[in-house]
Structure formats: structure tokens, C-alpha cells
């Protein structure tokens, strides 16, 4: 006969998080989407840099500088995206539980502007190189 441990009373109590399960799961999916986006941004930077230096003999010196800027800025933007997504996710946990959630407009605007800057550097690279 199997012996069962007596259950602790606090193990069966619902948590505050469990009252808003759907919102927390949606927040987690959003966080993971930001992580995937950051990985894609980093990957594109590596791709451009790698392709540039593979075709190095036919490109200009300013193209070298732009390729390096694209690579470094893509990695930096990816890291910034991961940090901002993590901070936003941690804030959302409490905001959802306290029913004080507000849309992170500044975070979205900041990341949007940074992506536009990288896109402009890409455009300059492809026009020059």
C-alpha cells in the first residue's frame, strides 16, 4: 500500500497569479516573441557582416565600416531588446496582479526608433556598397 504524505495547507490555495492566468500566459507569449525578435535582429547583423566580408574584395572601405557598424549595432539592439523585454515582463507581472496594467508606450517607441536607425544604416550600406 502506498503511503501518501499529508498535504500542506498552503499547497492547494490559489495564488494571485492564478486569478489572472490568461493574462499572465499572454504576457509570457509576448515576452518570448520579443526574445525571438531580438535573436532575429542579432542574426541579421551577423548575416550582413558575414556576407560583406565574404565579398570583401569587390567592396569599398566605407562598406567595411558600415558592415561593422551594422554588425555591432544589431548585436547591441538585440541585447537592448532582451533587457527591455525582460524588464517589461517583470513589471507586467505585478501590474496584472494589481490590475494597474498600462501599455508600455515608451518601450515600444524606443525599440521602434532603434530599429528604424538600424534600417537606415542598412539602406546606406546597400546604396554605398
N, C-alpha and C. Protein backbone atom coordinates (compact mmCIF):
# COMPACT_ATOMS: atom_id res chain seq x y z
N UNK A 1 0.83 -1.17 0.00
CA UNK A 1 0.00 0.00 0.00
C UNK A 1 0.89 1.25 0.00
N UNK A 2 0.59 2.17 -0.86
CA UNK A 2 1.38 3.39 -0.96
C UNK A 2 1.00 4.35 0.17
N UNK A 3 2.03 4.95 0.72
CA UNK A 3 1.79 5.93 1.78
C UNK A 3 1.77 7.31 1.15
N UNK A 4 0.79 8.07 1.49
CA UNK A 4 0.68 9.43 0.99
C UNK A 4 1.13 10.40 2.06
N UNK A 5 1.89 11.38 1.63
CA UNK A 5 2.27 12.43 2.56
C UNK A 5 1.06 13.31 2.82
N UNK A 6 0.93 13.76 4.02
CA UNK A 6 -0.16 14.72 4.25
C UNK A 6 0.13 16.01 3.49
N UNK A 7 -0.91 16.52 2.84
CA UNK A 7 -0.73 17.74 2.06
C UNK A 7 -0.61 18.95 2.96
N UNK A 8 0.26 19.85 2.56
CA UNK A 8 0.42 21.09 3.31
C UNK A 8 -0.72 22.02 2.93
N UNK A 9 -1.28 22.73 3.88
CA UNK A 9 -2.43 23.57 3.57
C UNK A 9 -2.16 24.67 2.54
N UNK A 10 -0.94 25.20 2.47
CA UNK A 10 -0.65 26.28 1.54
C UNK A 10 -0.47 25.81 0.11
N UNK A 11 -0.33 24.51 -0.12
CA UNK A 11 -0.10 24.00 -1.47
C UNK A 11 -1.35 24.05 -2.34
N UNK A 12 -2.53 24.03 -1.75
CA UNK A 12 -3.76 23.99 -2.52
C UNK A 12 -4.45 25.34 -2.65
N UNK A 13 -3.89 26.37 -2.04
CA UNK A 13 -4.51 27.68 -2.11
C UNK A 13 -4.18 28.32 -3.45
N UNK A 14 -5.18 28.92 -4.07
CA UNK A 14 -4.88 29.62 -5.32
C UNK A 14 -4.03 30.86 -5.05
N UNK A 15 -3.12 31.13 -5.96
CA UNK A 15 -2.26 32.30 -5.83
C UNK A 15 -2.91 33.48 -6.54
N UNK A 16 -2.35 34.65 -6.31
CA UNK A 16 -2.86 35.83 -7.03
C UNK A 16 -2.64 35.63 -8.52
N UNK A 17 -1.48 35.08 -8.90
CA UNK A 17 -1.20 34.84 -10.32
C UNK A 17 -2.26 33.95 -10.97
N UNK A 18 -2.77 32.98 -10.21
CA UNK A 18 -3.73 32.04 -10.79
C UNK A 18 -5.08 32.70 -11.08
N UNK A 19 -5.35 33.85 -10.49
CA UNK A 19 -6.60 34.55 -10.78
C UNK A 19 -6.58 35.17 -12.17
N UNK A 20 -5.39 35.42 -12.67
CA UNK A 20 -5.23 36.08 -13.97
C UNK A 20 -4.36 35.23 -14.90
N UNK A 21 -4.64 33.94 -14.93
CA UNK A 21 -3.80 33.01 -15.70
C UNK A 21 -3.71 33.41 -17.17
N UNK A 22 -4.84 33.71 -17.78
CA UNK A 22 -4.83 34.04 -19.21
C UNK A 22 -3.96 35.26 -19.51
N UNK A 23 -4.05 36.27 -18.67
CA UNK A 23 -3.25 37.47 -18.88
C UNK A 23 -1.76 37.18 -18.69
N UNK A 24 -1.43 36.38 -17.70
CA UNK A 24 -0.02 36.04 -17.47
C UNK A 24 0.54 35.20 -18.62
N UNK A 25 -0.26 34.28 -19.12
CA UNK A 25 0.20 33.46 -20.24
C UNK A 25 0.38 34.30 -21.51
N UNK A 26 -0.53 35.24 -21.73
CA UNK A 26 -0.40 36.13 -22.88
C UNK A 26 0.85 37.00 -22.73
N UNK A 27 1.10 37.48 -21.52
CA UNK A 27 2.30 38.28 -21.27
C UNK A 27 3.56 37.46 -21.52
N UNK A 28 3.55 36.21 -21.12
CA UNK A 28 4.71 35.34 -21.36
C UNK A 28 4.93 35.11 -22.84
N UNK A 29 3.85 34.91 -23.60
CA UNK A 29 3.98 34.72 -25.05
C UNK A 29 4.56 35.98 -25.71
N UNK A 30 4.12 37.14 -25.23
CA UNK A 30 4.66 38.39 -25.76
C UNK A 30 6.15 38.51 -25.45
N UNK A 31 6.53 38.16 -24.24
CA UNK A 31 7.94 38.19 -23.85
C UNK A 31 8.76 37.28 -24.76
N UNK A 32 8.28 36.08 -24.99
CA UNK A 32 9.01 35.15 -25.86
C UNK A 32 9.07 35.65 -27.30
N UNK A 33 8.04 36.35 -27.76
CA UNK A 33 8.07 36.93 -29.10
C UNK A 33 9.16 38.01 -29.18
N UNK A 34 9.31 38.80 -28.13
CA UNK A 34 10.38 39.80 -28.10
C UNK A 34 11.75 39.13 -28.12
N UNK A 35 11.89 38.02 -27.42
CA UNK A 35 13.17 37.30 -27.42
C UNK A 35 13.47 36.78 -28.83
N UNK A 36 12.47 36.23 -29.50
CA UNK A 36 12.67 35.76 -30.88
C UNK A 36 13.04 36.92 -31.80
N UNK A 37 12.40 38.07 -31.60
CA UNK A 37 12.72 39.25 -32.39
C UNK A 37 14.17 39.67 -32.17
N UNK A 38 14.61 39.67 -30.91
CA UNK A 38 15.99 40.05 -30.59
C UNK A 38 16.98 39.10 -31.26
N UNK A 39 16.68 37.81 -31.23
CA UNK A 39 17.56 36.83 -31.87
C UNK A 39 17.60 37.07 -33.38
N UNK A 40 16.47 37.41 -33.98
CA UNK A 40 16.44 37.69 -35.42
C UNK A 40 17.25 38.94 -35.75
N UNK A 41 17.15 39.97 -34.92
CA UNK A 41 17.91 41.21 -35.15
C UNK A 41 19.41 40.91 -35.10
N UNK A 42 19.82 40.14 -34.10
CA UNK A 42 21.23 39.77 -33.97
C UNK A 42 21.66 38.94 -35.18
N UNK A 43 20.82 38.00 -35.58
CA UNK A 43 21.14 37.14 -36.73
C UNK A 43 21.30 37.92 -38.02
N UNK A 44 20.44 38.91 -38.24
CA UNK A 44 20.55 39.73 -39.45
C UNK A 44 21.86 40.51 -39.45
N UNK A 45 22.26 41.01 -38.29
CA UNK A 45 23.54 41.72 -38.20
C UNK A 45 24.71 40.83 -38.55
N UNK A 46 24.69 39.60 -38.03
CA UNK A 46 25.75 38.65 -38.35
C UNK A 46 25.72 38.29 -39.83
N UNK A 47 24.53 38.13 -40.38
CA UNK A 47 24.40 37.78 -41.79
C UNK A 47 25.00 38.85 -42.70
N UNK A 48 24.63 40.11 -42.46
CA UNK A 48 25.15 41.20 -43.29
C UNK A 48 26.66 41.28 -43.17
N UNK A 49 27.16 41.21 -41.94
CA UNK A 49 28.60 41.30 -41.73
C UNK A 49 29.33 40.15 -42.41
N UNK A 50 28.81 38.94 -42.26
CA UNK A 50 29.44 37.77 -42.87
C UNK A 50 29.42 37.86 -44.39
N UNK A 51 28.27 38.24 -44.96
CA UNK A 51 28.20 38.37 -46.41
C UNK A 51 29.14 39.45 -46.92
N UNK A 52 29.23 40.54 -46.18
CA UNK A 52 30.11 41.62 -46.60
C UNK A 52 31.56 41.16 -46.67
N UNK A 53 32.01 40.51 -45.62
CA UNK A 53 33.41 40.14 -45.58
C UNK A 53 33.70 38.92 -46.46
N UNK A 54 32.68 38.19 -46.90
CA UNK A 54 32.86 37.13 -47.87
C UNK A 54 33.12 37.74 -49.25
N UNK A 55 32.47 38.89 -49.54
CA UNK A 55 32.62 39.56 -50.82
C UNK A 55 33.57 40.76 -50.71
N UNK A 56 34.44 40.75 -49.76
CA UNK A 56 35.27 41.90 -49.40
C UNK A 56 36.08 42.49 -50.57
N UNK A 57 36.57 41.66 -51.44
CA UNK A 57 37.46 42.16 -52.49
C UNK A 57 36.77 43.14 -53.43
N UNK A 58 35.46 43.03 -53.57
CA UNK A 58 34.76 43.89 -54.54
C UNK A 58 34.07 45.09 -53.89
N UNK A 59 34.29 45.32 -52.60
CA UNK A 59 33.56 46.39 -51.92
C UNK A 59 34.49 47.49 -51.44
N UNK A 60 33.89 48.65 -51.15
CA UNK A 60 34.66 49.84 -50.77
C UNK A 60 35.01 49.83 -49.28
N UNK A 61 36.01 50.64 -48.89
CA UNK A 61 36.38 50.74 -47.48
C UNK A 61 35.25 51.29 -46.59
N UNK A 62 34.45 52.19 -47.15
CA UNK A 62 33.33 52.71 -46.35
C UNK A 62 32.30 51.59 -46.12
N UNK A 63 32.21 50.67 -47.07
CA UNK A 63 31.35 49.50 -46.89
C UNK A 63 31.81 48.65 -45.73
N UNK A 64 33.14 48.55 -45.54
CA UNK A 64 33.69 47.82 -44.39
C UNK A 64 33.22 48.45 -43.08
N UNK A 65 33.31 49.78 -43.04
CA UNK A 65 32.90 50.49 -41.82
C UNK A 65 31.41 50.28 -41.55
N UNK A 66 30.59 50.43 -42.60
CA UNK A 66 29.15 50.25 -42.44
C UNK A 66 28.80 48.81 -42.04
N UNK A 67 29.48 47.84 -42.61
CA UNK A 67 29.23 46.44 -42.25
C UNK A 67 29.55 46.21 -40.77
N UNK A 68 30.65 46.77 -40.31
CA UNK A 68 30.99 46.65 -38.89
C UNK A 68 29.97 47.35 -38.00
N UNK A 69 29.53 48.53 -38.43
CA UNK A 69 28.52 49.27 -37.66
C UNK A 69 27.22 48.48 -37.60
N UNK A 70 26.81 47.91 -38.73
CA UNK A 70 25.59 47.11 -38.76
C UNK A 70 25.71 45.91 -37.82
N UNK A 71 26.83 45.21 -37.88
CA UNK A 71 27.02 44.05 -37.02
C UNK A 71 26.98 44.40 -35.55
N UNK A 72 27.75 45.42 -35.16
CA UNK A 72 27.81 45.81 -33.75
C UNK A 72 26.47 46.38 -33.28
N UNK A 73 25.86 47.24 -34.10
CA UNK A 73 24.59 47.84 -33.67
C UNK A 73 23.46 46.82 -33.62
N UNK A 74 23.49 45.82 -34.50
CA UNK A 74 22.46 44.77 -34.46
C UNK A 74 22.59 43.94 -33.19
N UNK A 75 23.80 43.59 -32.83
CA UNK A 75 24.01 42.84 -31.59
C UNK A 75 23.60 43.70 -30.39
N UNK A 76 24.00 44.97 -30.38
CA UNK A 76 23.63 45.86 -29.28
C UNK A 76 22.11 46.02 -29.19
N UNK A 77 21.45 46.22 -30.33
CA UNK A 77 19.99 46.35 -30.32
C UNK A 77 19.33 45.07 -29.85
N UNK A 78 19.86 43.92 -30.25
CA UNK A 78 19.30 42.65 -29.78
C UNK A 78 19.42 42.52 -28.27
N UNK A 79 20.57 42.90 -27.72
CA UNK A 79 20.76 42.83 -26.26
C UNK A 79 19.84 43.82 -25.55
N UNK A 80 19.74 45.03 -26.10
CA UNK A 80 18.83 46.04 -25.51
C UNK A 80 17.39 45.54 -25.55
N UNK A 81 17.01 44.90 -26.64
CA UNK A 81 15.66 44.35 -26.76
C UNK A 81 15.40 43.30 -25.70
N UNK A 82 16.36 42.41 -25.48
CA UNK A 82 16.20 41.37 -24.46
C UNK A 82 16.07 42.00 -23.07
N UNK A 83 16.91 42.98 -22.77
CA UNK A 83 16.86 43.63 -21.46
C UNK A 83 15.52 44.35 -21.27
N UNK A 84 15.11 45.12 -22.29
CA UNK A 84 13.85 45.86 -22.16
C UNK A 84 12.65 44.91 -22.08
N UNK A 85 12.68 43.83 -22.82
CA UNK A 85 11.58 42.85 -22.77
C UNK A 85 11.50 42.19 -21.40
N UNK A 86 12.65 41.88 -20.83
CA UNK A 86 12.67 41.25 -19.51
C UNK A 86 12.15 42.21 -18.44
N UNK A 87 12.61 43.45 -18.47
CA UNK A 87 12.14 44.45 -17.51
C UNK A 87 10.63 44.65 -17.65
N UNK A 88 10.16 44.80 -18.89
CA UNK A 88 8.72 44.99 -19.13
C UNK A 88 7.92 43.79 -18.65
N UNK A 89 8.43 42.59 -18.89
CA UNK A 89 7.73 41.38 -18.45
C UNK A 89 7.61 41.33 -16.93
N UNK A 90 8.70 41.65 -16.25
CA UNK A 90 8.68 41.62 -14.78
C UNK A 90 7.71 42.67 -14.22
N UNK A 91 7.65 43.84 -14.85
CA UNK A 91 6.71 44.87 -14.42
C UNK A 91 5.27 44.44 -14.66
N UNK A 92 5.04 43.75 -15.77
CA UNK A 92 3.68 43.33 -16.12
C UNK A 92 3.13 42.33 -15.12
N UNK A 93 3.99 41.50 -14.54
CA UNK A 93 3.52 40.51 -13.57
C UNK A 93 2.77 41.22 -12.44
N UNK A 94 3.41 42.22 -11.84
CA UNK A 94 2.77 42.95 -10.75
C UNK A 94 1.60 43.79 -11.25
N UNK A 95 1.76 44.40 -12.42
CA UNK A 95 0.69 45.24 -12.95
C UNK A 95 -0.58 44.44 -13.21
N UNK A 96 -0.43 43.23 -13.72
CA UNK A 96 -1.59 42.38 -13.97
C UNK A 96 -2.24 41.99 -12.64
N UNK A 97 -1.43 41.56 -11.68
CA UNK A 97 -1.98 41.15 -10.38
C UNK A 97 -2.65 42.30 -9.64
N UNK A 98 -2.12 43.51 -9.78
CA UNK A 98 -2.70 44.67 -9.10
C UNK A 98 -3.75 45.39 -9.95
N UNK A 99 -4.00 44.87 -11.13
CA UNK A 99 -4.94 45.45 -12.08
C UNK A 99 -4.60 46.92 -12.37
N UNK A 100 -3.31 47.18 -12.55
CA UNK A 100 -2.84 48.53 -12.87
C UNK A 100 -2.04 48.54 -14.16
N UNK A 101 -2.30 47.59 -15.04
CA UNK A 101 -1.53 47.46 -16.28
C UNK A 101 -1.71 48.68 -17.17
N UNK A 102 -0.61 49.15 -17.70
CA UNK A 102 -0.61 50.24 -18.69
C UNK A 102 0.26 49.79 -19.86
N UNK A 103 -0.13 50.19 -21.05
CA UNK A 103 0.63 49.83 -22.24
C UNK A 103 2.01 50.47 -22.19
N UNK A 104 3.07 49.70 -22.48
CA UNK A 104 4.44 50.24 -22.41
C UNK A 104 4.80 51.06 -23.65
N UNK A 105 4.20 52.23 -23.78
CA UNK A 105 4.39 53.06 -24.98
C UNK A 105 5.84 53.47 -25.17
N UNK A 106 6.52 53.85 -24.10
CA UNK A 106 7.91 54.32 -24.21
C UNK A 106 8.81 53.19 -24.69
N UNK A 107 8.62 52.00 -24.16
CA UNK A 107 9.43 50.84 -24.58
C UNK A 107 9.24 50.56 -26.06
N UNK A 108 8.00 50.55 -26.50
CA UNK A 108 7.70 50.26 -27.90
C UNK A 108 8.27 51.35 -28.80
N UNK A 109 8.11 52.60 -28.41
CA UNK A 109 8.63 53.71 -29.21
C UNK A 109 10.16 53.67 -29.29
N UNK A 110 10.81 53.40 -28.17
CA UNK A 110 12.27 53.34 -28.15
C UNK A 110 12.79 52.25 -29.07
N UNK A 111 12.23 51.05 -28.95
CA UNK A 111 12.67 49.96 -29.80
C UNK A 111 12.36 50.23 -31.27
N UNK A 112 11.21 50.85 -31.53
CA UNK A 112 10.85 51.19 -32.90
C UNK A 112 11.84 52.16 -33.52
N UNK A 113 12.22 53.18 -32.77
CA UNK A 113 13.19 54.15 -33.26
C UNK A 113 14.54 53.48 -33.51
N UNK A 114 14.97 52.63 -32.59
CA UNK A 114 16.25 51.94 -32.78
C UNK A 114 16.25 51.04 -34.00
N UNK A 115 15.13 50.36 -34.26
CA UNK A 115 15.04 49.51 -35.45
C UNK A 115 15.08 50.37 -36.71
N UNK A 116 14.44 51.54 -36.68
CA UNK A 116 14.48 52.44 -37.83
C UNK A 116 15.91 52.92 -38.09
N UNK A 117 16.65 53.24 -37.03
CA UNK A 117 18.04 53.67 -37.18
C UNK A 117 18.87 52.57 -37.85
N UNK A 118 18.69 51.33 -37.37
CA UNK A 118 19.43 50.20 -37.98
C UNK A 118 19.02 50.05 -39.45
N UNK A 119 17.73 50.20 -39.74
CA UNK A 119 17.26 50.08 -41.13
C UNK A 119 17.90 51.15 -42.01
N UNK A 120 18.03 52.35 -41.48
CA UNK A 120 18.68 53.42 -42.25
C UNK A 120 20.15 53.12 -42.51
N UNK A 121 20.81 52.52 -41.53
CA UNK A 121 22.21 52.12 -41.73
C UNK A 121 22.29 51.03 -42.80
N UNK A 122 21.34 50.09 -42.77
CA UNK A 122 21.28 49.06 -43.81
C UNK A 122 21.11 49.71 -45.18
N UNK A 123 20.21 50.67 -45.27
CA UNK A 123 19.97 51.34 -46.55
C UNK A 123 21.22 52.04 -47.04
N UNK A 124 21.92 52.72 -46.14
CA UNK A 124 23.17 53.39 -46.53
C UNK A 124 24.20 52.37 -47.01
N UNK A 125 24.25 51.25 -46.31
CA UNK A 125 25.21 50.19 -46.69
C UNK A 125 24.92 49.69 -48.11
N UNK A 126 23.66 49.40 -48.39
CA UNK A 126 23.32 48.83 -49.70
C UNK A 126 23.44 49.87 -50.81
N UNK A 127 23.28 51.15 -50.50
CA UNK A 127 23.46 52.18 -51.51
C UNK A 127 24.93 52.43 -51.81
N UNK A 128 25.77 52.35 -50.77
CA UNK A 128 27.19 52.62 -50.94
C UNK A 128 27.97 51.39 -51.42
N UNK A 129 27.67 50.25 -50.82
CA UNK A 129 28.44 49.04 -51.12
C UNK A 129 27.94 48.40 -52.36
